[in-house]
Amino acid sequence: MVVAPNGNAYVGNFGYDLMGGADHKDTGIVLVKPDGSTQKVAEGLSFPNSMVITPDEKTLIVNELFGNRISKFAVHADGKLGERHDFASFGSLGDEPSVARRMEKAMIKPDGLALDAEGAVWFADTVNQRAVKMAEGGEILETVDVAPELVFAVTLGGDDGKTLFMCVAPDWDKANRKSENLGRMISTKVSVGHAGTP
């Protein structure tokens, strides 16, 4: 979820019971306005799980964790979103129902998202055990290796916005993490600071 400066919240979701072993299904983004009203404003996304809004508040960028892409939408004055466009795409995974096969075929598995002042995004490339800075179009500009751990979320912060914070853990197995608390936050300095929302 991301909350725009005007209070509009954009909420993503799995769209199916991933942890229960259900087949993959595309889903959408729901707009929740400050008055509590809701409406679906995007469809056909493969688990939209992290979002940012550009500083001019005119573009929403969203990860598609199981879609092998990062998408972007124009944000209209009424809060609705325009058509989906690629921020970066590495090939369609089609209607493949198996999450495991989607993950095998995908070149990127973008989890967590942060925008920097150059218009590039940082994301948690979870299964590949790295944080990635990517330009629009898909060029990888920088990576931070977190192996042997997995990284699940990233953000830019600190006094100058140039600290990359990364949430890491050994795996995403719920039972393992309940029995042994090994998740932690790590950080490193980067050259370009934070921009946009959050």
C-alpha atoms as a PDB file:
ATOM      1  CA  MET A   1       0.000   0.000   0.000  1.00  0.00           C
ATOM      2  CA  VAL A   2       1.043   3.568  -0.607  1.00  0.00           C
ATOM      3  CA  VAL A   3      -0.761   6.681   0.684  1.00  0.00           C
ATOM      4  CA  ALA A   4      -0.597   9.756  -1.534  1.00  0.00           C
ATOM      5  CA  PRO A   5      -0.071  13.204   0.021  1.00  0.00           C
ATOM      6  CA  ASN A   6      -3.787  13.938  -0.499  1.00  0.00           C
ATOM      7  CA  GLY A   7      -4.747  10.915   1.627  1.00  0.00           C
ATOM      8  CA  ASN A   8      -5.707   8.541  -1.194  1.00  0.00           C
ATOM      9  CA  ALA A   9      -4.461   5.027  -0.450  1.00  0.00           C
ATOM     10  CA  TYR A  10      -3.606   2.520  -3.181  1.00  0.00           C
ATOM     11  CA  VAL A  11      -3.759  -1.069  -1.953  1.00  0.00           C
ATOM     12  CA  GLY A  12      -2.402  -4.179  -3.653  1.00  0.00           C
ATOM     13  CA  ASN A  13      -3.001  -7.839  -2.789  1.00  0.00           C
ATOM     14  CA  PHE A  14      -2.076 -11.409  -3.700  1.00  0.00           C
ATOM     15  CA  GLY A  15      -5.414 -12.094  -5.354  1.00  0.00           C
ATOM     16  CA  TYR A  16      -5.379 -15.745  -4.183  1.00  0.00           C
ATOM     17  CA  ASP A  17      -4.261 -17.881  -1.238  1.00  0.00           C
ATOM     18  CA  LEU A  18      -0.526 -18.145  -1.938  1.00  0.00           C
ATOM     19  CA  MET A  19       0.370 -19.665   1.423  1.00  0.00           C
ATOM     20  CA  GLY A  20      -2.464 -22.183   1.050  1.00  0.00           C
ATOM     21  CA  GLY A  21      -1.058 -23.401  -2.269  1.00  0.00           C
ATOM     22  CA  ALA A  22      -3.673 -21.906  -4.601  1.00  0.00           C
ATOM     23  CA  ASP A  23      -2.898 -21.306  -8.269  1.00  0.00           C
ATOM     24  CA  HIS A  24      -1.725 -17.865  -9.342  1.00  0.00           C
ATOM     25  CA  LYS A  25      -4.377 -15.414 -10.524  1.00  0.00           C
ATOM     26  CA  ASP A  26      -3.975 -11.812 -11.607  1.00  0.00           C
ATOM     27  CA  THR A  27      -5.509  -9.150  -9.406  1.00  0.00           C
ATOM     28  CA  GLY A  28      -5.729  -5.371  -9.141  1.00  0.00           C
ATOM     29  CA  ILE A  29      -5.190  -2.218  -7.115  1.00  0.00           C
ATOM     30  CA  VAL A  30      -7.917  -0.726  -4.938  1.00  0.00           C
ATOM     31  CA  LEU A  31      -8.178   3.009  -4.261  1.00  0.00           C
ATOM     32  CA  VAL A  32      -9.339   3.866  -0.732  1.00  0.00           C
ATOM     33  CA  LYS A  33     -10.257   7.532  -0.392  1.00  0.00           C
ATOM     34  CA  PRO A  34     -10.095   9.501   2.881  1.00  0.00           C
ATOM     35  CA  ASP A  35     -13.907   9.289   3.168  1.00  0.00           C
ATOM     36  CA  GLY A  36     -13.644   5.478   3.257  1.00  0.00           C
ATOM     37  CA  SER A  37     -15.021   4.849  -0.226  1.00  0.00           C
ATOM     38  CA  THR A  38     -13.274   2.203  -2.331  1.00  0.00           C
ATOM     39  CA  GLN A  39     -12.978   1.259  -5.985  1.00  0.00           C
ATOM     40  CA  LYS A  40     -10.754  -0.927  -8.121  1.00  0.00           C
ATOM     41  CA  VAL A  41      -8.509   1.308 -10.246  1.00  0.00           C
ATOM     42  CA  ALA A  42      -6.244  -1.260 -11.956  1.00  0.00           C
ATOM     43  CA  GLU A  43      -6.576  -4.888 -13.043  1.00  0.00           C
ATOM     44  CA  GLY A  44      -4.466  -7.636 -14.619  1.00  0.00           C
ATOM     45  CA  LEU A  45      -1.510  -7.360 -12.230  1.00  0.00           C
ATOM     46  CA  SER A  46       0.571 -10.227 -10.862  1.00  0.00           C
ATOM     47  CA  PHE A  47       0.586  -9.531  -7.096  1.00  0.00           C
ATOM     48  CA  PRO A  48       0.996  -5.723  -6.907  1.00  0.00           C
ATOM     49  CA  ASN A  49       2.821  -5.674  -3.594  1.00  0.00           C
ATOM     50  CA  SER A  50       4.867  -2.462  -3.337  1.00  0.00           C
ATOM     51  CA  MET A  51       4.158   0.982  -4.732  1.00  0.00           C
ATOM     52  CA  VAL A  52       5.618   4.494  -4.875  1.00  0.00           C
ATOM     53  CA  ILE A  53       4.267   7.811  -6.130  1.00  0.00           C
ATOM     54  CA  THR A  54       6.536  10.242  -7.956  1.00  0.00           C
ATOM     55  CA  PRO A  55       7.262  13.676  -6.439  1.00  0.00           C
ATOM     56  CA  ASP A  56       4.892  15.431  -8.861  1.00  0.00           C
ATOM     57  CA  GLU A  57       2.146  13.023  -7.686  1.00  0.00           C
ATOM     58  CA  LYS A  58       1.315  12.165 -11.320  1.00  0.00           C
ATOM     59  CA  THR A  59       2.700   8.608 -11.585  1.00  0.00           C
ATOM     60  CA  LEU A  60       2.295   5.468  -9.488  1.00  0.00           C
ATOM     61  CA  ILE A  61       4.965   2.770  -9.908  1.00  0.00           C
ATOM     62  CA  VAL A  62       4.203  -0.760  -8.710  1.00  0.00           C
ATOM     63  CA  ASN A  63       6.115  -4.033  -8.434  1.00  0.00           C
ATOM     64  CA  GLU A  64       4.536  -7.182  -9.822  1.00  0.00           C
ATOM     65  CA  LEU A  65       6.277  -9.820  -7.731  1.00  0.00           C
ATOM     66  CA  PHE A  66       5.197 -12.798  -9.837  1.00  0.00           C
ATOM     67  CA  GLY A  67       4.899 -10.898 -13.128  1.00  0.00           C
ATOM     68  CA  ASN A  68       8.547 -10.372 -14.120  1.00  0.00           C
ATOM     69  CA  ARG A  69       7.911  -6.648 -14.417  1.00  0.00           C
ATOM     70  CA  ILE A  70       7.482  -3.282 -12.738  1.00  0.00           C
ATOM     71  CA  SER A  71       4.527  -1.259 -13.989  1.00  0.00           C
ATOM     72  CA  LYS A  72       3.509   2.391 -13.916  1.00  0.00           C
ATOM     73  CA  PHE A  73       0.229   4.279 -14.139  1.00  0.00           C
ATOM     74  CA  ALA A  74      -0.719   7.906 -14.587  1.00  0.00           C
ATOM     75  CA  VAL A  75      -2.540   9.212 -11.502  1.00  0.00           C
ATOM     76  CA  HIS A  76      -5.554  11.306 -12.488  1.00  0.00           C
ATOM     77  CA  ALA A  77      -6.923  14.272 -10.532  1.00  0.00           C
ATOM     78  CA  ASP A  78      -9.790  12.146  -9.185  1.00  0.00           C
ATOM     79  CA  GLY A  79      -7.347   9.501  -7.905  1.00  0.00           C
ATOM     80  CA  LYS A  80      -8.120   6.954 -10.605  1.00  0.00           C
ATOM     81  CA  LEU A  81      -5.276   5.370 -12.553  1.00  0.00           C
ATOM     82  CA  GLY A  82      -4.684   5.435 -16.309  1.00  0.00           C
ATOM     83  CA  GLU A  83      -3.611   2.488 -18.442  1.00  0.00           C
ATOM     84  CA  ARG A  84      -0.776   0.222 -17.325  1.00  0.00           C
ATOM     85  CA  HIS A  85       2.638   0.830 -18.923  1.00  0.00           C
ATOM     86  CA  ASP A  86       5.963  -0.903 -18.394  1.00  0.00           C
ATOM     87  CA  PHE A  87       8.476   0.757 -16.124  1.00  0.00           C
ATOM     88  CA  ALA A  88      10.620  -2.332 -16.732  1.00  0.00           C
ATOM     89  CA  SER A  89       9.597  -5.683 -18.207  1.00  0.00           C
ATOM     90  CA  PHE A  90      11.541  -8.885 -18.740  1.00  0.00           C
ATOM     91  CA  GLY A  91       8.961 -10.860 -20.673  1.00  0.00           C
ATOM     92  CA  SER A  92       5.387 -12.007 -20.142  1.00  0.00           C
ATOM     93  CA  LEU A  93       4.786 -15.088 -18.019  1.00  0.00           C
ATOM     94  CA  GLY A  94       1.324 -15.476 -19.534  1.00  0.00           C
ATOM     95  CA  ASP A  95      -1.408 -17.367 -17.723  1.00  0.00           C
ATOM     96  CA  GLU A  96       0.982 -19.818 -16.019  1.00  0.00           C
ATOM     97  CA  PRO A  97      -0.900 -20.916 -12.844  1.00  0.00           C
ATOM     98  CA  SER A  98       2.091 -22.361 -10.960  1.00  0.00           C
ATOM     99  CA  VAL A  99       3.812 -19.804  -8.746  1.00  0.00           C
ATOM    100  CA  ALA A 100       6.933 -22.002  -8.664  1.00  0.00           C
ATOM    101  CA  ARG A 101       7.149 -22.067 -12.470  1.00  0.00           C
ATOM    102  CA  ARG A 102       6.507 -18.321 -12.663  1.00  0.00           C
ATOM    103  CA  MET A 103       9.407 -17.781 -10.260  1.00  0.00           C
ATOM    104  CA  GLU A 104      11.666 -20.096 -12.288  1.00  0.00           C
ATOM    105  CA  LYS A 105      10.940 -18.214 -15.526  1.00  0.00           C
ATOM    106  CA  ALA A 106      11.177 -14.696 -14.095  1.00  0.00           C
ATOM    107  CA  MET A 107      14.404 -12.727 -14.374  1.00  0.00           C
ATOM    108  CA  ILE A 108      13.392 -10.376 -11.564  1.00  0.00           C
ATOM    109  CA  LYS A 109      11.225 -10.991  -8.495  1.00  0.00           C
ATOM    110  CA  PRO A 110      10.607  -7.420  -7.310  1.00  0.00           C
ATOM    111  CA  ASP A 111       9.545  -7.092  -3.673  1.00  0.00           C
ATOM    112  CA  GLY A 112       9.697  -3.839  -1.697  1.00  0.00           C
ATOM    113  CA  LEU A 113      10.155  -0.581  -3.614  1.00  0.00           C
ATOM    114  CA  ALA A 114      11.755   2.842  -3.176  1.00  0.00           C
ATOM    115  CA  LEU A 115      12.173   5.740  -5.605  1.00  0.00           C
ATOM    116  CA  ASP A 116      15.291   7.892  -5.824  1.00  0.00           C
ATOM    117  CA  ALA A 117      15.864  11.451  -6.999  1.00  0.00           C
ATOM    118  CA  GLU A 118      17.082  10.288 -10.432  1.00  0.00           C
ATOM    119  CA  GLY A 119      13.788   8.491 -11.125  1.00  0.00           C
ATOM    120  CA  ALA A 120      15.325   5.033 -10.644  1.00  0.00           C
ATOM    121  CA  VAL A 121      13.821   2.488  -8.275  1.00  0.00           C
ATOM    122  CA  TRP A 122      15.404   0.304  -5.647  1.00  0.00           C
ATOM    123  CA  PHE A 123      13.666  -3.032  -5.095  1.00  0.00           C
ATOM    124  CA  ALA A 124      14.226  -6.203  -3.127  1.00  0.00           C
ATOM    125  CA  ASP A 125      15.062  -8.950  -5.639  1.00  0.00           C
ATOM    126  CA  THR A 126      14.145 -11.490  -3.010  1.00  0.00           C
ATOM    127  CA  VAL A 127      15.026 -14.869  -4.492  1.00  0.00           C
ATOM    128  CA  ASN A 128      18.199 -13.517  -6.102  1.00  0.00           C
ATOM    129  CA  GLN A 129      19.375 -12.320  -2.655  1.00  0.00           C
ATOM    130  CA  ARG A 130      20.046  -8.743  -3.639  1.00  0.00           C
ATOM    131  CA  ALA A 131      18.714  -5.214  -3.642  1.00  0.00           C
ATOM    132  CA  VAL A 132      18.649  -3.729  -7.141  1.00  0.00           C
ATOM    133  CA  LYS A 133      18.672  -0.157  -8.414  1.00  0.00           C
ATOM    134  CA  MET A 134      16.973  -0.107 -11.819  1.00  0.00           C
ATOM    135  CA  ALA A 135      16.398   2.666 -14.343  1.00  0.00           C
ATOM    136  CA  GLU A 136      13.162   2.954 -16.256  1.00  0.00           C
ATOM    137  CA  GLY A 137      13.479   0.560 -19.185  1.00  0.00           C
ATOM    138  CA  GLY A 138      15.162  -2.140 -17.107  1.00  0.00           C
ATOM    139  CA  GLU A 139      18.864  -1.253 -16.950  1.00  0.00           C
ATOM    140  CA  ILE A 140      20.375  -2.428 -13.673  1.00  0.00           C
ATOM    141  CA  LEU A 141      22.434   0.445 -12.301  1.00  0.00           C
ATOM    142  CA  GLU A 142      23.573  -1.003  -8.998  1.00  0.00           C
ATOM    143  CA  THR A 143      23.142  -4.067  -6.793  1.00  0.00           C
ATOM    144  CA  VAL A 144      23.699  -4.857  -3.121  1.00  0.00           C
ATOM    145  CA  ASP A 145      24.323  -8.542  -2.373  1.00  0.00           C
ATOM    146  CA  VAL A 146      22.689  -9.801   0.844  1.00  0.00           C
ATOM    147  CA  ALA A 147      23.459 -13.550   0.426  1.00  0.00           C
ATOM    148  CA  PRO A 148      23.027 -15.931   2.133  1.00  0.00           C
ATOM    149  CA  GLU A 149      19.893 -14.115   3.304  1.00  0.00           C
ATOM    150  CA  LEU A 150      16.855 -13.013   1.308  1.00  0.00           C
ATOM    151  CA  VAL A 151      15.765  -9.371   1.155  1.00  0.00           C
ATOM    152  CA  PHE A 152      12.031  -8.614   1.387  1.00  0.00           C
ATOM    153  CA  ALA A 153      11.718  -4.844   1.623  1.00  0.00           C
ATOM    154  CA  VAL A 154      13.806  -1.750   0.954  1.00  0.00           C
ATOM    155  CA  THR A 155      13.498   1.962   1.603  1.00  0.00           C
ATOM    156  CA  LEU A 156      15.652   5.054   1.322  1.00  0.00           C
ATOM    157  CA  GLY A 157      15.984   7.191   4.444  1.00  0.00           C
ATOM    158  CA  GLY A 158      18.355   8.736   6.923  1.00  0.00           C
ATOM    159  CA  ASP A 159      19.093  12.437   7.343  1.00  0.00           C
ATOM    160  CA  ASP A 160      19.977  12.906   3.665  1.00  0.00           C
ATOM    161  CA  GLY A 161      17.769  10.156   2.211  1.00  0.00           C
ATOM    162  CA  LYS A 162      20.871   8.271   1.058  1.00  0.00           C
ATOM    163  CA  THR A 163      20.720   5.290   3.403  1.00  0.00           C
ATOM    164  CA  LEU A 164      19.300   2.151   1.811  1.00  0.00           C
ATOM    165  CA  PHE A 165      17.559   0.103   4.493  1.00  0.00           C
ATOM    166  CA  MET A 166      16.937  -3.577   3.728  1.00  0.00           C
ATOM    167  CA  CYS A 167      14.762  -6.038   5.644  1.00  0.00           C
ATOM    168  CA  VAL A 168      16.379  -9.488   5.419  1.00  0.00           C
ATOM    169  CA  ALA A 169      15.686 -12.997   6.718  1.00  0.00           C
ATOM    170  CA  PRO A 170      16.831 -16.561   5.944  1.00  0.00           C
ATOM    171  CA  ASP A 171      13.531 -17.472   4.237  1.00  0.00           C
ATOM    172  CA  TRP A 172       9.829 -16.652   4.040  1.00  0.00           C
ATOM    173  CA  ASP A 173       8.588 -19.823   5.716  1.00  0.00           C
ATOM    174  CA  LYS A 174       6.042 -18.741   8.321  1.00  0.00           C
ATOM    175  CA  ALA A 175       6.676 -21.705  10.652  1.00  0.00           C
ATOM    176  CA  ASN A 176      10.445 -21.235  10.526  1.00  0.00           C
ATOM    177  CA  ARG A 177      10.213 -17.548  11.310  1.00  0.00           C
ATOM    178  CA  LYS A 178       7.774 -18.071  14.197  1.00  0.00           C
ATOM    179  CA  SER A 179      10.102 -20.600  15.839  1.00  0.00           C
ATOM    180  CA  GLU A 180      13.328 -18.673  15.268  1.00  0.00           C
ATOM    181  CA  ASN A 181      13.422 -14.881  14.965  1.00  0.00           C
ATOM    182  CA  LEU A 182      16.262 -14.206  12.529  1.00  0.00           C
ATOM    183  CA  GLY A 183      14.806 -11.336  10.521  1.00  0.00           C
ATOM    184  CA  ARG A 184      16.789  -8.110  10.758  1.00  0.00           C
ATOM    185  CA  MET A 185      17.327  -4.700   9.204  1.00  0.00           C
ATOM    186  CA  ILE A 186      20.617  -3.885   7.488  1.00  0.00           C
ATOM    187  CA  SER A 187      21.701  -0.718   5.694  1.00  0.00           C
ATOM    188  CA  THR A 188      24.257   0.768   3.349  1.00  0.00           C
ATOM    189  CA  LYS A 189      24.963   4.226   1.960  1.00  0.00           C
ATOM    190  CA  VAL A 190      24.037   5.034  -1.645  1.00  0.00           C
ATOM    191  CA  SER A 191      24.869   8.021  -3.821  1.00  0.00           C
ATOM    192  CA  VAL A 192      21.373   9.249  -4.732  1.00  0.00           C
ATOM    193  CA  GLY A 193      18.746  10.170  -2.179  1.00  0.00           C
ATOM    194  CA  HIS A 194      15.061   9.410  -1.708  1.00  0.00           C
ATOM    195  CA  ALA A 195      12.246  10.944  -3.731  1.00  0.00           C
ATOM    196  CA  GLY A 196       8.467  10.690  -3.864  1.00  0.00           C
ATOM    197  CA  THR A 197       6.055   8.876  -1.561  1.00  0.00           C
ATOM    198  CA  PRO A 198       6.610   7.068   0.697  1.00  0.00           C
END
